[in-house]
Protein backbone atom coordinates (compact mmCIF):
# COMPACT_ATOMS: atom_id res chain seq x y z
CA UNK A 1 -55.32 -80.00 -33.12
CA UNK A 2 -55.98 -76.78 -34.83
CA UNK A 3 -55.64 -73.64 -32.79
CA UNK A 4 -57.83 -70.69 -33.27
CA UNK A 5 -56.88 -67.11 -32.52
CA UNK A 6 -59.37 -64.39 -31.96
CA UNK A 7 -58.81 -60.69 -32.62
CA UNK A 8 -60.67 -58.13 -30.63
CA UNK A 9 -62.53 -55.93 -32.99
CA UNK A 10 -61.35 -52.35 -33.09
CA UNK A 11 -63.61 -49.80 -31.59
CA UNK A 12 -64.09 -46.64 -33.45
CA UNK A 13 -62.89 -43.70 -31.37
CA UNK A 14 -65.66 -41.21 -31.01
CA UNK A 15 -64.98 -37.89 -32.60
CA UNK A 16 -63.98 -35.09 -30.26
CA UNK A 17 -66.63 -32.58 -29.54
CA UNK A 18 -66.06 -28.94 -30.44
CA UNK A 19 -65.61 -28.15 -26.74
CA UNK A 20 -62.90 -30.82 -26.37
CA UNK A 21 -61.13 -29.58 -29.47
CA UNK A 22 -61.15 -26.08 -28.05
CA UNK A 23 -59.62 -27.32 -24.78
CA UNK A 24 -56.92 -29.22 -26.68
CA UNK A 25 -56.12 -26.17 -28.78
CA UNK A 26 -55.95 -24.10 -25.60
CA UNK A 27 -53.55 -26.57 -23.98
CA UNK A 28 -51.41 -26.62 -27.10
CA UNK A 29 -51.28 -22.82 -27.16
CA UNK A 30 -50.27 -22.76 -23.49
CA UNK A 31 -47.50 -25.28 -24.07
CA UNK A 32 -46.35 -23.29 -27.09
CA UNK A 33 -46.49 -20.04 -25.15
CA UNK A 34 -44.62 -21.63 -22.21
CA UNK A 35 -41.92 -23.00 -24.51
CA UNK A 36 -41.65 -19.70 -26.31
CA UNK A 37 -41.51 -17.82 -23.01
CA UNK A 38 -38.80 -20.12 -21.69
CA UNK A 39 -36.81 -19.70 -24.89
CA UNK A 40 -37.25 -15.93 -24.73
CA UNK A 41 -36.19 -15.88 -21.06
CA UNK A 42 -33.07 -17.90 -21.81
CA UNK A 43 -32.24 -15.65 -24.75
CA UNK A 44 -32.74 -12.56 -22.57
CA UNK A 45 -30.47 -13.94 -19.85
CA UNK A 46 -27.76 -14.78 -22.39
CA UNK A 47 -28.08 -11.36 -24.03
CA UNK A 48 -28.00 -9.58 -20.65
CA UNK A 49 -24.89 -11.55 -19.67
CA UNK A 50 -23.15 -10.58 -22.91
CA UNK A 51 -24.08 -6.91 -22.48
CA UNK A 52 -22.94 -6.83 -18.85
CA UNK A 53 -19.68 -8.58 -19.72
CA UNK A 54 -19.00 -6.09 -22.53
CA UNK A 55 -19.79 -3.09 -20.33
CA UNK A 56 -17.71 -4.46 -17.45
CA UNK A 57 -14.74 -5.00 -19.75
CA UNK A 58 -15.06 -1.50 -21.19
CA UNK A 59 -16.05 0.44 -18.10
CA UNK A 60 -15.36 0.16 -14.39
CA UNK A 61 -18.66 -1.48 -13.39
CA UNK A 62 -17.36 -4.01 -10.88
CA UNK A 63 -18.93 -3.92 -7.41
CA UNK A 64 -16.47 -4.06 -4.51
CA UNK A 65 -18.30 -5.53 -1.50
CA UNK A 66 -15.17 -6.00 0.65
CA UNK A 67 -15.41 -4.11 3.92
CA UNK A 68 -12.05 -2.39 3.34
CA UNK A 69 -12.73 -1.56 -0.35
CA UNK A 70 -9.74 -3.56 -1.56
CA UNK A 71 -10.05 -2.40 -5.17
CA UNK A 72 -11.40 1.11 -4.59
CA UNK A 73 -9.40 3.78 -6.43
CA UNK A 74 -8.58 6.98 -4.54
CA UNK A 75 -9.03 10.49 -5.95
CA UNK A 76 -5.22 10.80 -6.05
CA UNK A 77 -4.99 8.08 -8.67
CA UNK A 78 -8.07 9.24 -10.57
CA UNK A 79 -6.61 12.75 -10.88
CA UNK A 80 -3.26 11.37 -12.04
CA UNK A 81 -4.74 9.07 -14.68
CA UNK A 82 -7.15 11.71 -15.89
CA UNK A 83 -4.44 14.34 -16.38
CA UNK A 84 -1.73 12.26 -18.07
CA UNK A 85 -0.36 13.87 -21.22
CA UNK A 86 2.18 11.20 -22.19
CA UNK A 87 1.31 7.58 -22.85
CA UNK A 88 2.49 5.11 -20.21
CA UNK A 89 3.37 1.55 -21.20
CA UNK A 90 2.92 -1.26 -18.68
CA UNK A 91 4.50 -4.57 -19.64
CA UNK A 92 3.83 -7.68 -17.55
CA UNK A 93 6.29 -10.54 -17.95
CA UNK A 94 3.75 -13.33 -17.68
CA UNK A 95 0.99 -15.08 -19.57
CA UNK A 96 -2.21 -13.12 -18.89
CA UNK A 97 -4.29 -16.12 -17.79
CA UNK A 98 -1.55 -17.25 -15.43
CA UNK A 99 -1.16 -13.71 -14.08
CA UNK A 100 -4.92 -13.29 -13.63
CA UNK A 101 -5.39 -16.57 -11.73
CA UNK A 102 -2.32 -16.22 -9.51
CA UNK A 103 -3.18 -15.85 -5.82
CA UNK A 104 -1.03 -12.71 -5.49
CA UNK A 105 -0.83 -11.22 -8.97
CA UNK A 106 -4.56 -11.75 -9.52
CA UNK A 107 -5.34 -8.71 -7.38
CA UNK A 108 -2.84 -6.70 -9.42
CA UNK A 109 -4.60 -7.82 -12.61
CA UNK A 110 -7.92 -6.51 -11.27
CA UNK A 111 -6.32 -3.22 -10.26
CA UNK A 112 -4.69 -2.81 -13.68
CA UNK A 113 -8.09 -3.24 -15.30
CA UNK A 114 -9.44 -0.32 -13.28
CA UNK A 115 -6.43 1.81 -14.23
CA UNK A 116 -6.96 1.03 -17.92
CA UNK A 117 -10.62 2.07 -17.70
CA UNK A 118 -9.70 5.39 -16.08
CA UNK A 119 -6.71 6.24 -18.28
CA UNK A 120 -8.18 5.24 -21.64
CA UNK A 121 -5.71 5.34 -24.53
CA UNK A 122 -3.03 6.94 -22.31
CA UNK A 123 -2.25 3.56 -20.78
CA UNK A 124 -1.05 0.56 -22.79
CA UNK A 125 -0.97 -2.81 -21.03
CA UNK A 126 0.84 -5.73 -22.66
CA UNK A 127 1.45 -9.27 -21.41
CA UNK A 128 4.58 -11.08 -22.57
CA UNK A 129 5.17 -14.71 -21.66
CA UNK A 130 8.94 -14.89 -21.07
CA UNK A 131 8.99 -18.59 -21.92
CA UNK A 132 7.23 -18.43 -25.27
CA UNK A 133 8.54 -14.98 -26.29
CA UNK A 134 12.16 -14.79 -25.11
CA UNK A 135 13.08 -12.37 -27.90
CA UNK A 136 10.46 -9.87 -26.74
CA UNK A 137 11.90 -9.99 -23.23
CA UNK A 138 15.49 -9.49 -24.42
CA UNK A 139 14.92 -5.73 -24.84
CA UNK A 140 14.78 -5.51 -21.04
CA UNK A 141 18.28 -6.98 -20.62
CA UNK A 142 19.46 -3.81 -18.88
CA UNK A 143 16.91 -4.56 -16.14
CA UNK A 144 18.03 -8.15 -15.69
CA UNK A 145 19.04 -7.58 -12.06
CA UNK A 146 15.53 -6.50 -11.06
CA UNK A 147 13.06 -8.29 -13.34
CA UNK A 148 11.61 -11.76 -12.84
CA UNK A 149 8.60 -13.74 -13.97
CA UNK A 150 5.55 -11.65 -13.15
CA UNK A 151 7.43 -8.34 -13.08
CA UNK A 152 5.35 -5.26 -13.93
CA UNK A 153 7.48 -2.83 -15.97
CA UNK A 154 6.13 0.73 -16.02
CA UNK A 155 7.76 3.03 -18.59
CA UNK A 156 7.27 6.42 -20.21
CA UNK A 157 9.78 8.03 -22.54
CA UNK A 158 13.21 7.32 -20.96
CA UNK A 159 11.96 6.57 -17.44
CA UNK A 160 11.30 3.05 -16.15
CA UNK A 161 10.16 1.47 -12.89
CA UNK A 162 10.06 -2.27 -12.15
CA UNK A 163 7.51 -3.68 -9.70
CA UNK A 164 7.58 -7.22 -8.32
CA UNK A 165 5.28 -9.17 -6.02
CA UNK A 166 6.92 -7.76 -2.87
CA UNK A 167 6.12 -4.22 -4.02
CA UNK A 168 2.39 -4.93 -4.04
CA UNK A 169 2.06 -6.37 -0.53
CA UNK A 170 2.93 -5.54 3.05
CA UNK A 171 4.18 -8.28 5.37
CA UNK A 172 4.53 -8.76 9.08
CA UNK A 173 7.08 -11.08 10.67
CA UNK A 174 6.19 -13.31 13.60
CA UNK A 175 8.43 -12.92 16.63
CA UNK A 176 7.85 -16.59 17.40
CA UNK A 177 8.19 -18.44 14.09
CA UNK A 178 10.38 -15.94 12.25
CA UNK A 179 8.20 -16.29 9.15
CA UNK A 180 6.55 -13.34 7.45
CA UNK A 181 2.83 -13.18 6.78
CA UNK A 182 1.24 -11.11 4.02
CA UNK A 183 -0.99 -8.58 5.80
CA UNK A 184 -1.94 -5.90 3.29
CA UNK A 185 -2.38 -5.09 -0.40
CA UNK A 186 -0.70 -1.88 -1.57
CA UNK A 187 -1.26 -2.27 -5.29
CA UNK A 188 -2.56 1.26 -5.79
CA UNK A 189 0.40 2.78 -3.94
CA UNK A 190 2.88 0.80 -6.06
CA UNK A 191 1.24 1.46 -9.43
CA UNK A 192 0.39 5.13 -8.86
CA UNK A 193 3.83 5.99 -7.50
CA UNK A 194 5.49 4.21 -10.43
CA UNK A 195 3.36 6.10 -12.97
CA UNK A 196 4.08 9.37 -11.15
CA UNK A 197 7.81 8.68 -11.26
CA UNK A 198 8.02 7.81 -14.96
CA UNK A 199 5.85 10.74 -16.07
CA UNK A 200 7.77 13.38 -14.08
CA UNK A 201 10.15 15.64 -16.01
CA UNK A 202 12.83 15.49 -13.31
CA UNK A 203 13.50 12.77 -10.77
CA UNK A 204 14.90 13.99 -7.44
CA UNK A 205 17.61 11.81 -5.92
CA UNK A 206 18.02 10.57 -2.36
CA UNK A 207 21.63 9.75 -1.50
CA UNK A 208 22.30 7.19 1.22
CA UNK A 209 25.67 8.03 2.77
CA UNK A 210 28.24 5.25 3.01
CA UNK A 211 31.70 4.83 4.55
CA UNK A 212 30.78 4.85 8.26
CA UNK A 213 29.27 1.37 8.67
CA UNK A 214 25.80 2.65 7.84
CA UNK A 215 22.87 0.32 7.17
CA UNK A 216 19.40 1.00 5.81
CA UNK A 217 16.23 -1.03 5.61
CA UNK A 218 14.76 -2.09 2.30
CA UNK A 219 11.45 -0.61 3.39
CA UNK A 220 12.90 2.88 3.79
CA UNK A 221 14.50 2.67 0.35
CA UNK A 222 11.16 1.52 -1.08
CA UNK A 223 9.44 4.45 0.65
CA UNK A 224 11.65 6.85 -1.31
CA UNK A 225 11.16 5.11 -4.65
CA UNK A 226 7.40 4.89 -4.11
CA UNK A 227 7.42 8.63 -3.46
CA UNK A 228 8.99 9.23 -6.86
CA UNK A 229 12.64 9.56 -5.85
CA UNK A 230 15.66 7.80 -7.29
CA UNK A 231 17.94 6.27 -4.64
CA UNK A 232 21.74 6.14 -4.92
CA UNK A 233 24.73 5.60 -2.64
CA UNK A 234 27.28 8.31 -1.83
CA UNK A 235 30.58 7.94 0.00
CA UNK A 236 31.83 11.34 1.17
CA UNK A 237 35.21 9.85 2.05
CA UNK A 238 35.75 9.26 -1.69
CA UNK A 239 33.56 11.89 -3.35
CA UNK A 240 34.41 15.49 -2.53
CA UNK A 241 31.25 17.03 -3.97
CA UNK A 242 27.64 16.33 -3.21
CA UNK A 243 25.86 15.87 -6.60
CA UNK A 244 23.72 18.75 -7.80
CA UNK A 245 20.69 16.49 -8.25
CA UNK A 246 20.70 15.55 -4.55
CA UNK A 247 17.44 16.40 -2.78
CA UNK A 248 17.93 14.47 0.48
CA UNK A 249 20.95 13.00 2.25
CA UNK A 250 20.30 10.06 4.60
CA UNK A 251 22.58 9.07 7.49
CA UNK A 252 21.20 5.68 8.46
CA UNK A 253 22.51 4.05 11.67
CA UNK A 254 26.15 5.16 11.27
CA UNK A 255 28.60 3.41 13.60
CA UNK A 256 31.74 5.46 12.85
CA UNK A 257 32.08 9.23 13.21
CA UNK A 258 32.17 11.72 10.33
CA UNK A 259 35.06 14.08 9.80
CA UNK A 260 34.81 17.85 10.21
CA UNK A 261 35.26 18.20 6.45
CA UNK A 262 32.33 15.88 5.73
CA UNK A 263 30.13 17.73 8.20
CA UNK A 264 31.06 21.06 6.60
CA UNK A 265 29.99 19.78 3.18
CA UNK A 266 26.73 18.47 4.62
CA UNK A 267 26.13 21.85 6.30
CA UNK A 268 26.71 23.74 3.03
CA UNK A 269 24.31 21.33 1.29
CA UNK A 270 21.56 22.06 3.85
CA UNK A 271 22.00 25.81 3.75
CA UNK A 272 21.78 25.66 -0.04
CA UNK A 273 18.31 24.10 0.19
CA UNK A 274 19.11 20.40 0.70
CA UNK A 275 17.59 18.21 3.40
CA UNK A 276 19.18 15.79 5.87
CA UNK A 277 17.66 12.74 7.57
CA UNK A 278 19.52 11.11 10.47
CA UNK A 279 18.51 7.80 12.05
CA UNK A 280 20.37 7.09 15.28
CA UNK A 281 21.53 3.56 15.96
CA UNK A 282 24.48 4.04 18.29
CA UNK A 283 24.96 2.52 21.71
CA UNK A 284 25.56 6.10 22.84
CA UNK A 285 25.82 9.34 20.84
CA UNK A 286 29.08 10.03 22.70
CA UNK A 287 30.72 7.53 20.35
CA UNK A 288 30.11 9.93 17.41
CA UNK A 289 31.12 13.32 18.91
CA UNK A 290 31.58 15.25 15.65
CA UNK A 291 28.21 14.29 14.16
CA UNK A 292 26.17 14.77 17.32
CA UNK A 293 27.88 18.03 18.17
CA UNK A 294 26.84 19.28 14.74
CA UNK A 295 23.21 18.15 15.25
CA UNK A 296 23.15 20.07 18.53
CA UNK A 297 23.80 23.24 16.50
CA UNK A 298 20.39 22.60 14.95
CA UNK A 299 18.76 22.40 18.35
CA UNK A 300 18.59 18.61 18.30
CA UNK A 301 20.66 17.15 21.15
CA UNK A 302 20.47 13.33 21.33
CA UNK A 303 21.02 12.22 24.91
CA UNK A 304 23.11 9.32 26.23
CA UNK A 305 20.21 7.39 27.70
CA UNK A 306 17.63 4.67 27.00
CA UNK A 307 13.92 5.50 26.99
CA UNK A 308 11.71 2.79 28.53
CA UNK A 309 8.01 2.37 29.21
CA UNK A 310 6.67 -0.43 31.36
CA UNK A 311 3.02 0.35 30.54
CA UNK A 312 3.04 1.20 26.81
CA UNK A 313 5.28 -1.22 24.95
CA UNK A 314 5.37 -4.27 22.69
CA UNK A 315 6.80 -7.35 24.46
CA UNK A 316 9.25 -5.45 26.67
CA UNK A 317 10.03 -2.00 28.05
CA UNK A 318 12.53 -0.83 25.35
CA UNK A 319 9.95 -1.40 22.56
CA UNK A 320 7.94 1.65 23.53
CA UNK A 321 4.74 2.92 21.94
CA UNK A 322 5.33 6.54 20.95
CA UNK A 323 2.86 9.25 19.99
CA UNK A 324 2.70 12.24 17.67
CA UNK A 325 3.06 15.76 18.97
CA UNK A 326 0.56 18.46 18.07
CA UNK A 327 3.01 20.05 15.61
CA UNK A 328 1.49 21.40 12.39
CA UNK A 329 3.81 19.10 10.43
CA UNK A 330 1.78 16.13 11.75
CA UNK A 331 -1.62 17.47 10.68
CA UNK A 332 -2.00 15.09 7.74
CA UNK A 333 -1.65 11.99 9.95
CA UNK A 334 -2.92 13.36 13.27
CA UNK A 335 -6.29 11.59 12.98
CA UNK A 336 -4.80 8.13 12.47
CA UNK A 337 -5.63 5.50 15.06
CA UNK A 338 -2.54 3.43 14.19
CA UNK A 339 0.35 2.91 16.59
CA UNK A 340 3.96 4.11 16.49
CA UNK A 341 6.56 1.62 17.69
CA UNK A 342 10.00 3.07 18.44
CA UNK A 343 12.41 0.44 19.84
CA UNK A 344 15.69 1.38 21.56
CA UNK A 345 14.96 5.10 21.53
CA UNK A 346 16.99 7.84 23.17
CA UNK A 347 15.63 11.11 24.46
CA UNK A 348 16.16 14.31 22.50
CA UNK A 349 16.39 17.83 23.85
CA UNK A 350 14.81 19.89 21.06
CA UNK A 351 15.87 23.41 21.94
CA UNK A 352 17.99 26.08 20.29
CA UNK A 353 20.44 28.33 22.06
CA UNK A 354 18.94 31.78 22.62
CA UNK A 355 21.69 33.32 20.46
CA UNK A 356 20.65 31.33 17.36
CA UNK A 357 18.23 33.18 15.09
CA UNK A 358 18.62 31.56 11.67
CA UNK A 359 16.79 28.29 12.37
CA UNK A 360 13.85 26.78 14.23
CA UNK A 361 13.24 23.33 15.73
CA UNK A 362 10.02 21.38 16.30
CA UNK A 363 9.37 18.09 18.11
CA UNK A 364 7.42 15.61 15.94
CA UNK A 365 7.30 12.44 18.04
CA UNK A 366 7.47 11.79 21.79
CA UNK A 367 7.13 9.09 24.41
CA UNK A 368 4.20 8.93 26.82
CA UNK A 369 3.88 10.27 30.35
CA UNK A 370 4.56 6.78 31.73
CA UNK A 371 8.01 6.60 30.13
CA UNK A 372 11.33 6.99 31.91
CA UNK A 373 14.99 7.08 30.85
CA UNK A 374 18.09 5.35 32.18
CA UNK A 375 21.57 6.77 31.65
CA UNK A 376 23.34 4.85 28.91
CA UNK A 377 26.97 4.73 27.84
CA UNK A 378 29.09 2.20 25.96
CA UNK A 379 29.95 0.51 29.25
CA UNK A 380 26.53 0.70 30.94
CA UNK A 381 24.77 -2.56 31.75
CA UNK A 382 21.44 -3.10 33.48
CA UNK A 383 20.04 -6.26 35.01
CA UNK A 384 16.48 -5.04 34.72
CA UNK A 385 14.41 -2.46 32.86
CA UNK A 386 12.43 -1.70 36.02
CA UNK A 387 12.22 1.95 36.97
CA UNK A 388 14.65 2.89 39.74
CA UNK A 389 15.67 5.93 41.72
CA UNK A 390 17.68 8.31 39.57
CA UNK A 391 15.81 7.51 36.34
CA UNK A 392 14.39 10.54 34.54
CA UNK A 393 10.63 10.84 34.11
CA UNK A 394 9.10 11.33 30.65
CA UNK A 395 7.69 12.28 28.27
CA UNK A 396 10.69 12.71 25.96
CA UNK A 397 11.10 13.97 22.41
CA UNK A 398 12.09 11.09 20.10
CA UNK A 399 12.15 12.83 16.71
CA UNK A 400 12.55 16.49 15.73
CA UNK A 401 12.65 18.65 12.62
CA UNK A 402 14.81 21.80 12.27
CA UNK A 403 14.33 24.44 9.54
CA UNK A 404 17.02 26.78 8.23
CA UNK A 405 15.67 30.34 7.92
CA UNK A 406 18.95 32.12 7.12
CA UNK A 407 18.06 32.43 3.41
CA UNK A 408 15.24 31.66 0.98
CA UNK A 409 16.47 28.13 0.20
CA UNK A 410 15.21 26.68 3.48
CA UNK A 411 17.07 23.40 4.06
CA UNK A 412 15.86 21.10 6.86
CA UNK A 413 17.29 18.55 9.28
CA UNK A 414 15.28 15.59 10.61
CA UNK A 415 16.64 13.42 13.44
CA UNK A 416 15.05 10.25 14.81
CA UNK A 417 16.59 8.74 17.96
CA UNK A 418 14.87 5.37 17.35
CA UNK A 419 16.46 4.36 14.07
CA UNK A 420 15.09 0.83 14.25
CA UNK A 421 11.60 2.20 13.74
CA UNK A 422 12.32 2.08 9.98
CA UNK A 423 13.10 -1.66 10.03
CA UNK A 424 11.36 -3.85 7.45
CA UNK A 425 9.15 -5.57 10.02
CA UNK A 426 7.81 -2.34 11.50
CA UNK A 427 7.53 -0.42 8.23
CA UNK A 428 5.72 -3.29 6.53
CA UNK A 429 3.08 -3.73 9.23
CA UNK A 430 -0.17 -2.19 7.98
CA UNK A 431 -1.39 -1.89 11.57
CA UNK A 432 1.44 0.51 12.49
CA UNK A 433 1.97 4.20 11.79
CA UNK A 434 5.73 3.94 11.25
CA UNK A 435 5.66 4.07 7.46
CA UNK A 436 3.04 6.83 7.31
CA UNK A 437 5.01 8.90 9.82
CA UNK A 438 8.22 8.76 7.79
CA UNK A 439 6.31 9.33 4.53
CA UNK A 440 4.87 12.46 6.09
CA UNK A 441 8.35 13.60 7.16
CA UNK A 442 9.62 13.22 3.58
CA UNK A 443 6.63 15.24 2.38
CA UNK A 444 7.56 18.00 4.86
CA UNK A 445 11.17 18.01 3.66
CA UNK A 446 10.23 18.28 -0.02
CA UNK A 447 6.78 19.92 -0.17
CA UNK A 448 7.21 20.89 -3.83
CA UNK A 449 7.27 17.22 -4.83
CA UNK A 450 3.89 15.53 -5.22
CA UNK A 451 4.45 12.55 -2.99
CA UNK A 452 2.17 9.54 -3.38
CA UNK A 453 1.06 8.10 -0.05
CA UNK A 454 -1.85 5.64 -0.28
CA UNK A 455 -2.40 3.35 2.73
CA UNK A 456 -2.29 -0.41 2.19
CA UNK A 457 -5.58 -2.34 2.39
CA UNK A 458 -5.68 -4.99 5.10
CA UNK A 459 -6.09 -8.59 3.91
CA UNK A 460 -7.32 -9.90 7.26
CA UNK A 461 -10.70 -11.61 7.22
CA UNK A 462 -13.31 -9.06 8.19
CA UNK A 463 -17.13 -9.28 8.24
CA UNK A 464 -19.10 -7.67 5.43
CA UNK A 465 -20.77 -4.60 6.91
CA UNK A 466 -23.90 -3.43 5.09
CA UNK A 467 -26.52 -0.80 5.70
CA UNK A 468 -30.26 -1.43 6.08
CA UNK A 469 -31.05 -0.75 2.42
CA UNK A 470 -28.23 -3.00 1.23
CA UNK A 471 -29.33 -5.75 3.60
CA UNK A 472 -32.89 -5.62 2.20
CA UNK A 473 -31.64 -5.76 -1.41
CA UNK A 474 -29.41 -8.74 -0.64
CA UNK A 475 -32.27 -10.46 1.21
CA UNK A 476 -34.58 -9.89 -1.75
CA UNK A 477 -32.05 -11.27 -4.22
CA UNK A 478 -31.10 -14.27 -2.13
CA UNK A 479 -34.46 -15.17 -0.55
CA UNK A 480 -37.61 -13.31 -1.64
CA UNK A 481 -37.15 -13.57 -5.41
CA UNK A 482 -36.30 -17.33 -5.42
CA UNK A 483 -39.23 -18.04 -3.05
CA UNK A 484 -41.58 -15.99 -5.22
CA UNK A 485 -40.53 -17.85 -8.35
CA UNK A 486 -40.98 -21.18 -6.55
CA UNK A 487 -44.50 -20.23 -5.35
CA UNK A 488 -45.45 -19.03 -8.83
CA UNK A 489 -44.30 -22.33 -10.28
CA UNK A 490 -46.52 -24.28 -7.86
CA UNK A 491 -49.57 -22.14 -8.71
CA UNK A 492 -49.06 -22.64 -12.45
CA UNK A 493 -48.59 -26.39 -11.96
CA UNK A 494 -51.83 -26.75 -9.94
CA UNK A 495 -53.84 -24.72 -12.42
CA UNK A 496 -52.64 -26.81 -15.34
CA UNK A 497 -53.49 -30.03 -13.54
CA UNK A 498 -57.06 -28.88 -13.20
CA UNK A 499 -57.45 -28.29 -16.90
């Protein structure tokens, strides 16, 4: 049976009217304009991103929105970088990408970028990967004891300073776990002090005396190096002369007495313009009669007692909270709201004999009115720190500064009866005034030296604090502009659907 198939005849499509052709051309133009506009917008965004990236790399255009201005550069650093005459080389022993993305060194990378923008061609920064370029690292063989992966080597002419991760951060140890927590970023302090040190014509030297069971914290040594000093050891039982380049002698927690001959040499050093810092750490000053008899000649008599405070302390009564006196020497730190912790302090009688006319003495630090002191000797033992009858009422001087006025050289003697206040835990805590206090003392001892003292920036999580204008700008960027674009898109869509 034959099958038949039928094809539907094609209908001729009526020609579009002139009006319809005009509408089609209009739609086509709109689509073309929209596509061109989108392409132009994308090109503008890409071009703007390239321009901003170039400007940011060349100039310091980054916006620091952290509440503590973590990357803000102080005027001290700006003045230093702007006035440098010699070129400073900074060599980082790491691959740049690895250094930049590291959780600790990344902040240093950002800070270095700001330094480079401010210093211009007076600062050369070079990254050397020690694994892929061992020959390039070999020229630093004389620094082998101090360098490591990630070390930042700052050099100018014949002067060199090496900075490692621990130099860029402050830490605070937990009394419960024993572990240390990173609390602050002191990148600017480390970099600026290193540049200051290597660009100085002469480097003053701090000598830490040895030979009497002394001990010194790493933080105090770092304080001196950050201030631009070189630190060396000196044993007066072996060396008969104090070096001519000595600026400061440090007696740190000595446990054995000095000889009369040693004291005489120290006295001649002071009266010739040198400075002495003494940190007490004895059970009783009576165990070092020669040394403490000499300090009494300067109007600084350390007493055989133990200063306690049941109201103002950390954990227990011997860990007292001290305060600054109103001495002019404290003016630079007088407005600080940080706390001084001075554990195991003794009282000091800061007073000169009426017959002495070639020196003066000033109290710099004292305990509070609520403090009291118990008599303390090598054999004394107490079952409790509670105040009892016979205890002496405070406040007490805890640190004093004496000036020699017998000639134009003007040597000085600083004595602190709470030597443990310069321990690593207390000096590294950004919430305490201990480090700033001792930095200020060093500045008073050597006022002719431009000491760098830039507070660390806290790394604790803090809310972003913004003003009314800033809040409106952020609201506009994050809310109003996106909502406006969304509404405009809906309007355009509806209008096109109606066409």
